[in-house]
């Protein structure tokens, strides 16, 4: 490049003004805001939630189910770290009712094993944030991933449960996510499309994705038996004691193949990734703030802020790149009565756009898919270098997931709910509460779509 003349200002050291540190490194949202805190092997983790309206019924029982769905140690296919992840509401409620003030949430860590991470003081773990945190901050948490650990997401899940409760009570909005792919095992296209068009409930995701693992096979609650190595249908007799194996893939045949793949990786001390599908139904029309806070842009940021996420698509996603405009365009086919009077709302024949147009919600299902990489913590020895650049072989100790996908749906659901709640409050601030409409589910086009 060009060299500066000797004695010029460019050749002299220049002390640039230090920018003010952002106060929002661990804060998400504009009006409905959540700030998370805590490290994976510290005293505890949690969140402070601002913007929750007063007068809403809220206790720990409203939050705990989602934390139980994400907690470790729930299945043979997940890490065996034993954490109950019981939440305590510290502030913002009285007699089971929100006060409109900040809600403090805390989950204490109980099964820490800091000694499992002694080797990471010498060398950064491949695939982890040890190196980048050390370079950025000059210091890092000495055990686990610190703020980069998936335990940080406990605060998000808890805050998301509050957002979901408000959304469902106010607009009937529902958020549900499920595992649609593990490594190269995917839901059949027709099954995947049917689930996106008519989303299952969380209870169905949990029940239809739950198997029992035996020494030689998997079984489903309806009596189906599947080979332990391939996941294919089998007639063998289960041996040993059955233990829960949760996949959260709501299709037994596919769930069995996924379970077999995760079992093989667990035995090999390796890991894999996959895809989570999330559908938001009954989201109000008009959410999203173009140009830079478009609804899908906020959703993408929310999902990509989760640990291990590497890909995001909405609607037809990357398939849209191979479609013609005449195929991809969602035709408007009917006007539906506005429940609060005034202008009618329009329904489309298809939903390739995934529930938004121009970054603003249409009222149709918001359909997203999130790609998650293989868990970086594996017990297999890996070649790396020390922080000083010396060759080093590192084997990660501790208790880790062969695949994080079965525990990921509550994370995705929580972040989706936070985005929609915040977007709804921003639109209410602009247009007034009465202006937010939800697309009726029972119009002629909707009935036809459900029968096709």
Protein backbone atom coordinates (compact mmCIF):
# COMPACT_ATOMS: atom_id res chain seq x y z
CA UNK A 1 0.00 0.00 0.00
CA UNK A 2 1.01 3.67 -0.13
CA UNK A 3 3.63 4.75 2.39
CA UNK A 4 3.21 7.98 4.33
CA UNK A 5 5.84 10.67 3.96
CA UNK A 6 8.25 10.87 6.86
CA UNK A 7 7.08 13.46 9.32
CA UNK A 8 3.47 13.40 8.08
CA UNK A 9 0.64 12.94 10.53
CA UNK A 10 0.01 9.46 9.08
CA UNK A 11 3.44 8.26 10.17
CA UNK A 12 2.94 9.32 13.76
CA UNK A 13 1.15 7.30 16.44
CA UNK A 14 -2.47 8.38 16.59
CA UNK A 15 -4.58 7.88 19.67
CA UNK A 16 -8.13 7.46 18.46
CA UNK A 17 -10.85 8.36 20.94
CA UNK A 18 -12.07 5.33 22.84
CA UNK A 19 -15.69 4.58 21.90
CA UNK A 20 -18.21 4.30 24.68
CA UNK A 21 -18.81 0.70 25.61
CA UNK A 22 -22.20 -0.56 24.53
CA UNK A 23 -24.49 -1.26 27.49
CA UNK A 24 -26.45 -3.79 25.43
CA UNK A 25 -23.96 -6.64 25.01
CA UNK A 26 -26.23 -8.97 26.97
CA UNK A 27 -29.52 -7.18 26.31
CA UNK A 28 -32.08 -7.95 23.61
CA UNK A 29 -35.21 -6.06 22.59
CA UNK A 30 -36.51 -2.50 22.42
CA UNK A 31 -39.69 -2.26 24.51
CA UNK A 32 -39.87 -5.86 25.70
CA UNK A 33 -36.26 -6.24 26.84
CA UNK A 34 -34.30 -9.07 28.39
CA UNK A 35 -30.80 -8.94 29.86
CA UNK A 36 -29.17 -12.26 30.72
CA UNK A 37 -26.37 -12.93 33.20
CA UNK A 38 -24.25 -15.76 34.58
CA UNK A 39 -21.65 -18.32 33.48
CA UNK A 40 -21.95 -22.06 32.93
CA UNK A 41 -20.06 -23.06 36.08
CA UNK A 42 -20.71 -20.01 38.22
CA UNK A 43 -23.23 -19.61 41.03
CA UNK A 44 -26.19 -19.31 38.69
CA UNK A 45 -27.69 -17.89 35.53
CA UNK A 46 -30.76 -15.79 34.90
CA UNK A 47 -32.35 -12.73 33.37
CA UNK A 48 -33.88 -9.33 34.03
CA UNK A 49 -37.03 -8.77 31.96
CA UNK A 50 -38.37 -5.25 31.35
CA UNK A 51 -41.57 -4.23 29.59
CA UNK A 52 -43.91 -6.88 30.94
CA UNK A 53 -47.33 -5.23 31.35
CA UNK A 54 -48.77 -5.05 34.87
CA UNK A 55 -51.70 -7.19 35.95
CA UNK A 56 -50.72 -10.42 34.19
CA UNK A 57 -50.87 -13.61 36.24
CA UNK A 58 -47.35 -15.03 36.51
CA UNK A 59 -45.66 -17.59 38.76
CA UNK A 60 -42.73 -19.97 38.42
CA UNK A 61 -45.19 -22.60 37.17
CA UNK A 62 -45.68 -20.55 33.99
CA UNK A 63 -41.93 -20.57 33.28
CA UNK A 64 -40.68 -23.93 34.55
CA UNK A 65 -42.09 -26.21 31.79
CA UNK A 66 -39.87 -24.67 29.13
CA UNK A 67 -36.79 -24.86 31.36
CA UNK A 68 -37.56 -28.51 32.07
CA UNK A 69 -37.74 -29.19 28.33
CA UNK A 70 -34.27 -27.67 27.80
CA UNK A 71 -32.53 -28.96 30.93
CA UNK A 72 -29.64 -31.45 30.71
CA UNK A 73 -29.86 -35.02 31.93
CA UNK A 74 -33.40 -35.63 30.63
CA UNK A 75 -32.53 -38.35 28.13
CA UNK A 76 -29.93 -40.86 26.99
CA UNK A 77 -29.37 -38.67 23.92
CA UNK A 78 -28.30 -35.58 25.87
CA UNK A 79 -25.56 -34.56 28.30
CA UNK A 80 -25.83 -36.30 31.66
CA UNK A 81 -25.03 -33.17 33.66
CA UNK A 82 -27.66 -33.33 36.41
CA UNK A 83 -29.37 -29.94 36.70
CA UNK A 84 -33.00 -29.47 37.73
CA UNK A 85 -32.89 -25.87 36.46
CA UNK A 86 -35.57 -24.70 38.88
CA UNK A 87 -36.41 -21.02 38.37
CA UNK A 88 -37.06 -18.47 41.09
CA UNK A 89 -38.81 -15.15 40.44
CA UNK A 90 -36.88 -12.57 42.45
CA UNK A 91 -38.84 -9.42 41.64
CA UNK A 92 -41.57 -7.84 39.56
CA UNK A 93 -44.52 -9.86 40.85
CA UNK A 94 -46.69 -9.88 43.93
CA UNK A 95 -49.32 -12.45 44.86
CA UNK A 96 -48.80 -14.10 41.46
CA UNK A 97 -49.42 -10.89 39.49
CA UNK A 98 -46.96 -8.77 37.48
CA UNK A 99 -46.33 -5.26 38.79
CA UNK A 100 -45.09 -3.72 35.55
CA UNK A 101 -41.59 -3.43 37.01
CA UNK A 102 -38.45 -5.40 36.17
CA UNK A 103 -38.85 -9.15 36.62
CA UNK A 104 -35.75 -10.85 38.03
CA UNK A 105 -35.27 -14.56 37.27
CA UNK A 106 -32.61 -16.86 38.75
CA UNK A 107 -31.62 -20.48 38.18
CA UNK A 108 -28.81 -21.76 40.41
CA UNK A 109 -26.11 -24.07 39.05
CA UNK A 110 -25.81 -27.18 41.18
CA UNK A 111 -23.69 -29.71 39.27
CA UNK A 112 -20.55 -27.76 38.41
CA UNK A 113 -17.32 -29.62 37.66
CA UNK A 114 -14.69 -26.96 37.08
CA UNK A 115 -11.87 -29.51 37.26
CA UNK A 116 -13.08 -31.03 33.98
CA UNK A 117 -11.73 -27.94 32.21
CA UNK A 118 -8.19 -27.72 33.63
CA UNK A 119 -6.61 -28.52 30.24
CA UNK A 120 -8.27 -25.52 28.58
CA UNK A 121 -5.94 -23.23 30.54
CA UNK A 122 -3.13 -24.47 28.33
CA UNK A 123 -4.76 -24.68 24.91
CA UNK A 124 -7.96 -23.35 23.32
CA UNK A 125 -10.54 -26.02 22.47
CA UNK A 126 -11.23 -26.39 18.72
CA UNK A 127 -14.66 -25.06 17.81
CA UNK A 128 -15.08 -23.17 21.09
CA UNK A 129 -14.86 -19.49 21.97
CA UNK A 130 -11.87 -19.88 24.33
CA UNK A 131 -9.48 -18.19 21.89
CA UNK A 132 -11.73 -15.34 20.75
CA UNK A 133 -12.88 -14.45 24.28
CA UNK A 134 -9.25 -14.38 25.43
CA UNK A 135 -8.25 -12.09 22.56
CA UNK A 136 -11.27 -9.79 22.90
CA UNK A 137 -11.37 -9.37 26.68
CA UNK A 138 -7.85 -10.38 27.77
CA UNK A 139 -9.46 -12.80 30.21
CA UNK A 140 -12.09 -15.53 30.08
CA UNK A 141 -14.08 -17.88 32.27
CA UNK A 142 -11.75 -20.65 33.42
CA UNK A 143 -14.31 -23.45 33.15
CA UNK A 144 -16.89 -24.36 30.55
CA UNK A 145 -17.73 -21.80 27.93
CA UNK A 146 -18.61 -19.02 30.35
CA UNK A 147 -21.01 -16.67 28.57
CA UNK A 148 -20.53 -18.69 25.36
CA UNK A 149 -21.99 -21.78 27.04
CA UNK A 150 -25.50 -22.95 26.21
CA UNK A 151 -26.38 -22.47 29.90
CA UNK A 152 -26.55 -18.75 29.14
CA UNK A 153 -29.74 -19.51 27.22
CA UNK A 154 -31.59 -20.40 30.43
CA UNK A 155 -32.34 -16.70 30.93
CA UNK A 156 -33.62 -16.41 27.36
CA UNK A 157 -35.89 -19.44 27.72
CA UNK A 158 -37.32 -18.12 31.00
CA UNK A 159 -37.91 -14.64 29.56
CA UNK A 160 -39.37 -16.16 26.40
CA UNK A 161 -41.90 -18.10 28.47
CA UNK A 162 -43.15 -14.78 29.88
CA UNK A 163 -43.34 -13.27 26.39
CA UNK A 164 -45.27 -16.30 25.14
CA UNK A 165 -47.79 -16.06 27.93
CA UNK A 166 -48.50 -12.42 27.12
CA UNK A 167 -48.73 -13.11 23.38
CA UNK A 168 -51.11 -16.03 23.75
CA UNK A 169 -53.37 -14.22 26.20
CA UNK A 170 -53.42 -11.05 24.09
CA UNK A 171 -53.50 -12.35 20.50
CA UNK A 172 -53.75 -16.14 20.67
CA UNK A 173 -50.21 -16.33 19.27
CA UNK A 174 -48.51 -19.73 19.56
CA UNK A 175 -44.87 -20.66 19.01
CA UNK A 176 -43.73 -24.24 18.49
CA UNK A 177 -40.43 -25.71 17.29
CA UNK A 178 -39.30 -29.25 16.52
CA UNK A 179 -36.30 -31.17 15.22
CA UNK A 180 -36.64 -31.62 11.46
CA UNK A 181 -33.15 -32.92 10.72
CA UNK A 182 -30.17 -34.57 12.42
CA UNK A 183 -27.02 -34.83 10.32
CA UNK A 184 -28.36 -36.35 7.04
CA UNK A 185 -31.57 -37.75 8.57
CA UNK A 186 -34.45 -35.45 7.63
CA UNK A 187 -38.21 -35.56 7.91
CA UNK A 188 -39.75 -36.72 4.60
CA UNK A 189 -40.73 -33.68 2.52
CA UNK A 190 -44.45 -34.42 2.67
CA UNK A 191 -44.34 -34.85 6.47
CA UNK A 192 -42.30 -31.68 6.90
CA UNK A 193 -44.71 -29.68 4.72
CA UNK A 194 -47.74 -30.99 6.60
CA UNK A 195 -46.23 -30.06 9.97
CA UNK A 196 -45.41 -26.54 8.79
CA UNK A 197 -48.94 -26.05 7.41
CA UNK A 198 -50.61 -27.42 10.55
CA UNK A 199 -48.10 -27.15 13.40
CA UNK A 200 -48.19 -29.74 16.17
CA UNK A 201 -48.58 -28.71 19.79
CA UNK A 202 -45.59 -28.87 22.11
CA UNK A 203 -47.17 -31.86 23.79
CA UNK A 204 -47.27 -33.62 20.42
CA UNK A 205 -43.66 -32.68 19.68
CA UNK A 206 -42.61 -34.17 22.99
CA UNK A 207 -44.77 -37.30 22.86
CA UNK A 208 -44.33 -38.14 19.16
CA UNK A 209 -40.59 -37.57 19.44
CA UNK A 210 -40.08 -39.68 22.57
CA UNK A 211 -38.67 -43.19 22.41
CA UNK A 212 -37.32 -45.70 24.89
CA UNK A 213 -33.73 -46.86 24.39
CA UNK A 214 -32.83 -50.48 25.12
CA UNK A 215 -29.50 -52.20 24.68
CA UNK A 216 -30.51 -53.54 21.27
CA UNK A 217 -33.31 -51.30 20.01
CA UNK A 218 -35.59 -48.30 20.41
CA UNK A 219 -39.34 -48.49 20.99
CA UNK A 220 -42.10 -45.92 20.60
CA UNK A 221 -45.17 -45.51 22.87
CA UNK A 222 -47.38 -47.23 20.29
CA UNK A 223 -45.38 -50.46 20.36
CA UNK A 224 -43.14 -49.86 17.36
CA UNK A 225 -39.66 -51.39 17.56
CA UNK A 226 -36.63 -49.98 15.74
CA UNK A 227 -33.10 -51.30 15.25
CA UNK A 228 -30.61 -49.58 17.57
CA UNK A 229 -27.98 -49.16 14.85
CA UNK A 230 -30.12 -48.05 11.89
CA UNK A 231 -33.43 -46.89 13.35
CA UNK A 232 -35.28 -49.04 10.82
CA UNK A 233 -38.42 -50.98 11.81
CA UNK A 234 -37.58 -54.26 13.52
CA UNK A 235 -39.20 -57.29 15.11
CA UNK A 236 -36.52 -57.96 17.72
CA UNK A 237 -37.41 -58.23 21.39
CA UNK A 238 -36.15 -55.34 23.56
CA UNK A 239 -33.40 -56.33 25.98
CA UNK A 240 -32.44 -54.65 29.22
CA UNK A 241 -34.09 -51.64 30.85
CA UNK A 242 -35.73 -48.99 28.68
CA UNK A 243 -34.55 -45.43 29.25
CA UNK A 244 -36.07 -42.22 27.84
CA UNK A 245 -34.63 -41.03 24.52
CA UNK A 246 -36.15 -37.69 23.55
CA UNK A 247 -35.62 -36.50 19.97
CA UNK A 248 -38.39 -33.86 19.70
CA UNK A 249 -38.99 -34.93 16.12
CA UNK A 250 -42.78 -35.48 15.90
CA UNK A 251 -42.61 -38.49 13.58
CA UNK A 252 -41.74 -41.85 15.12
CA UNK A 253 -40.13 -43.36 12.01
CA UNK A 254 -37.81 -40.39 11.53
CA UNK A 255 -37.22 -39.97 15.26
CA UNK A 256 -35.95 -43.56 15.45
CA UNK A 257 -33.40 -42.97 12.69
CA UNK A 258 -32.27 -39.77 14.42
CA UNK A 259 -31.97 -41.57 17.75
CA UNK A 260 -29.88 -44.33 16.18
CA UNK A 261 -27.55 -41.74 14.65
CA UNK A 262 -27.14 -39.91 17.96
CA UNK A 263 -26.57 -43.19 19.80
CA UNK A 264 -23.77 -44.13 17.39
CA UNK A 265 -22.11 -40.74 17.86
CA UNK A 266 -22.43 -40.99 21.64
CA UNK A 267 -20.61 -44.33 21.55
CA UNK A 268 -17.94 -42.88 19.22
CA UNK A 269 -17.48 -39.82 21.49
CA UNK A 270 -18.37 -37.56 18.59
CA UNK A 271 -21.22 -35.17 17.77
CA UNK A 272 -23.39 -33.83 14.96
CA UNK A 273 -25.79 -31.00 14.16
CA UNK A 274 -29.10 -30.58 12.40
CA UNK A 275 -32.10 -28.36 11.72
CA UNK A 276 -34.86 -26.95 13.92
CA UNK A 277 -38.14 -25.85 12.32
CA UNK A 278 -40.17 -23.18 14.11
CA UNK A 279 -43.68 -21.95 13.30
CA UNK A 280 -45.33 -18.89 14.84
CA UNK A 281 -49.09 -18.94 14.33
CA UNK A 282 -51.62 -16.18 14.95
CA UNK A 283 -49.00 -13.46 14.97
CA UNK A 284 -50.63 -10.02 14.56
CA UNK A 285 -50.54 -8.42 11.12
CA UNK A 286 -48.24 -5.42 10.70
CA UNK A 287 -45.29 -6.39 12.89
CA UNK A 288 -41.79 -5.35 11.80
CA UNK A 289 -39.98 -2.02 11.43
CA UNK A 290 -38.50 -1.51 7.94
CA UNK A 291 -35.91 -1.03 6.84
CA UNK A 292 -33.34 -2.37 9.30
CA UNK A 293 -35.68 -3.91 11.87
CA UNK A 294 -37.71 -5.96 9.44
CA UNK A 295 -39.40 -8.81 11.25
CA UNK A 296 -37.36 -11.53 9.55
CA UNK A 297 -34.19 -9.54 10.18
CA UNK A 298 -34.94 -9.39 13.90
CA UNK A 299 -35.83 -13.09 13.92
CA UNK A 300 -32.62 -13.94 12.09
CA UNK A 301 -30.54 -11.97 14.57
CA UNK A 302 -32.35 -13.62 17.48
CA UNK A 303 -31.73 -17.11 16.14
CA UNK A 304 -28.15 -16.47 15.09
CA UNK A 305 -27.39 -15.12 18.57
CA UNK A 306 -28.07 -18.56 20.02
CA UNK A 307 -25.01 -20.77 20.64
CA UNK A 308 -24.10 -23.15 17.79
CA UNK A 309 -26.48 -21.67 15.19
CA UNK A 310 -24.97 -21.37 11.73
CA UNK A 311 -27.88 -20.94 9.31
CA UNK A 312 -31.31 -19.32 9.06
CA UNK A 313 -34.05 -19.35 6.45
CA UNK A 314 -37.66 -18.23 6.36
CA UNK A 315 -40.53 -19.45 4.17
CA UNK A 316 -39.27 -21.24 1.07
CA UNK A 317 -35.79 -20.12 2.08
CA UNK A 318 -33.00 -21.24 -0.22
CA UNK A 319 -35.51 -23.15 -2.35
CA UNK A 320 -36.89 -19.76 -3.38
CA UNK A 321 -33.61 -19.08 -5.18
CA UNK A 322 -34.47 -21.85 -7.64
CA UNK A 323 -38.12 -20.92 -8.16
CA UNK A 324 -39.75 -18.69 -10.77
CA UNK A 325 -41.63 -15.59 -9.68
CA UNK A 326 -44.86 -17.15 -10.90
CA UNK A 327 -44.19 -20.07 -8.55
CA UNK A 328 -42.97 -18.14 -5.54
CA UNK A 329 -45.48 -15.28 -5.42
CA UNK A 330 -48.21 -15.88 -2.85
CA UNK A 331 -51.48 -14.89 -4.55
CA UNK A 332 -54.08 -13.03 -2.52
CA UNK A 333 -57.28 -15.05 -2.76
CA UNK A 334 -59.82 -13.68 -0.28
CA UNK A 335 -60.70 -10.86 2.08
CA UNK A 336 -61.56 -11.87 5.62
CA UNK A 337 -63.71 -9.92 8.02
CA UNK A 338 -61.80 -7.76 10.46
CA UNK A 339 -62.80 -8.90 13.94
CA UNK A 340 -62.74 -5.30 15.15
CA UNK A 341 -64.44 -3.84 12.09
CA UNK A 342 -62.89 -1.58 9.47
CA UNK A 343 -60.69 -2.73 6.60
CA UNK A 344 -60.79 -6.42 5.79
CA UNK A 345 -57.61 -8.49 5.99
CA UNK A 346 -56.34 -10.55 3.05
CA UNK A 347 -55.39 -14.21 2.89
CA UNK A 348 -52.97 -15.85 0.43
CA UNK A 349 -53.26 -19.21 -1.31
CA UNK A 350 -49.69 -20.18 -0.40
CA UNK A 351 -47.06 -19.09 2.11
CA UNK A 352 -43.73 -19.21 0.28
CA UNK A 353 -42.81 -15.88 1.86
CA UNK A 354 -43.04 -17.46 5.30
CA UNK A 355 -45.42 -14.99 6.90
CA UNK A 356 -43.87 -11.63 5.96
CA UNK A 357 -43.94 -9.19 3.05
CA UNK A 358 -41.49 -6.30 2.98
CA UNK A 359 -40.34 -7.27 6.44
CA UNK A 360 -43.86 -6.91 7.91
CA UNK A 361 -45.99 -9.80 9.17
CA UNK A 362 -48.97 -10.84 7.02
CA UNK A 363 -50.79 -12.90 9.64
CA UNK A 364 -49.87 -16.18 7.96
CA UNK A 365 -47.70 -18.70 9.76
CA UNK A 366 -44.16 -17.43 10.24
CA UNK A 367 -42.10 -20.45 9.21
CA UNK A 368 -38.38 -20.58 10.00
CA UNK A 369 -35.62 -23.17 9.89
CA UNK A 370 -32.46 -22.83 11.94
CA UNK A 371 -29.26 -24.77 11.23
CA UNK A 372 -27.24 -25.88 14.26
CA UNK A 373 -23.65 -27.10 14.04
CA UNK A 374 -22.21 -30.18 15.76
CA UNK A 375 -21.48 -29.70 19.45
CA UNK A 376 -17.83 -28.63 19.75
CA UNK A 377 -17.24 -30.53 23.01
CA UNK A 378 -16.22 -34.07 22.09
CA UNK A 379 -14.14 -36.61 24.02
CA UNK A 380 -12.12 -37.66 20.99
CA UNK A 381 -8.56 -36.31 21.14
CA UNK A 382 -8.03 -33.37 18.78
CA UNK A 383 -4.82 -31.75 17.59
CA UNK A 384 -4.54 -28.08 18.45
CA UNK A 385 -1.89 -25.66 19.70
CA UNK A 386 -1.35 -23.98 23.03
CA UNK A 387 -1.95 -20.27 23.47
CA UNK A 388 1.78 -19.91 22.74
CA UNK A 389 1.51 -21.86 19.49
CA UNK A 390 3.06 -25.15 20.66
CA UNK A 391 1.52 -28.39 19.26
CA UNK A 392 -0.90 -29.93 21.73
CA UNK A 393 -3.41 -32.79 21.86
CA UNK A 394 -6.62 -31.98 23.71
CA UNK A 395 -9.44 -34.25 24.81
CA UNK A 396 -12.47 -32.46 26.21
CA UNK A 397 -13.67 -33.86 29.51
CA UNK A 398 -17.05 -33.25 31.10
CA UNK A 399 -20.57 -34.31 30.12
CA UNK A 400 -21.68 -33.21 26.69
CA UNK A 401 -24.41 -33.73 24.10
CA UNK A 402 -23.74 -35.93 21.05
CA UNK A 403 -26.34 -33.65 19.46
CA UNK A 404 -27.88 -30.54 21.02
CA UNK A 405 -30.97 -30.60 18.79
CA UNK A 406 -33.35 -32.42 21.21
CA UNK A 407 -32.87 -29.65 23.79
CA UNK A 408 -32.90 -26.76 21.31
CA UNK A 409 -36.64 -26.21 20.60
CA UNK A 410 -37.26 -24.22 23.84
CA UNK A 411 -34.34 -21.94 22.95
CA UNK A 412 -35.74 -21.21 19.49
CA UNK A 413 -39.27 -20.81 20.84
CA UNK A 414 -38.10 -18.41 23.54
CA UNK A 415 -36.17 -16.14 21.18
CA UNK A 416 -39.04 -16.17 18.65
CA UNK A 417 -41.49 -15.12 21.36
CA UNK A 418 -39.20 -12.30 22.52
CA UNK A 419 -39.01 -10.93 18.97
CA UNK A 420 -42.77 -11.10 18.37
CA UNK A 421 -43.64 -9.59 21.77
CA UNK A 422 -41.23 -6.72 21.23
CA UNK A 423 -42.49 -6.13 17.68
CA UNK A 424 -46.10 -6.17 18.88
CA UNK A 425 -45.36 -3.58 21.55
CA UNK A 426 -43.57 -1.36 19.04
CA UNK A 427 -46.55 -1.53 16.68
CA UNK A 428 -48.98 -0.85 19.55
CA UNK A 429 -46.96 2.22 20.44
CA UNK A 430 -47.35 3.47 16.87
CA UNK A 431 -50.89 2.45 15.95
CA UNK A 432 -52.66 1.80 19.23
CA UNK A 433 -53.74 -1.49 20.74
CA UNK A 434 -56.96 -1.74 18.72
CA UNK A 435 -55.11 -1.64 15.38
CA UNK A 436 -53.37 -5.01 15.71
CA UNK A 437 -55.29 -7.72 13.84
CA UNK A 438 -54.85 -11.47 13.61
CA UNK A 439 -55.71 -13.31 10.40
CA UNK A 440 -58.87 -15.38 11.03
CA UNK A 441 -58.19 -19.10 10.85
CA UNK A 442 -61.59 -20.17 9.52
CA UNK A 443 -61.93 -18.39 6.18
CA UNK A 444 -62.84 -20.38 3.04
CA UNK A 445 -59.24 -20.47 1.78
CA UNK A 446 -57.97 -21.67 5.14
CA UNK A 447 -60.56 -24.47 5.24
CA UNK A 448 -59.66 -25.49 1.69
CA UNK A 449 -55.94 -25.49 2.45
CA UNK A 450 -56.48 -27.77 5.42
CA UNK A 451 -58.36 -30.33 3.32
CA UNK A 452 -55.90 -30.41 0.43
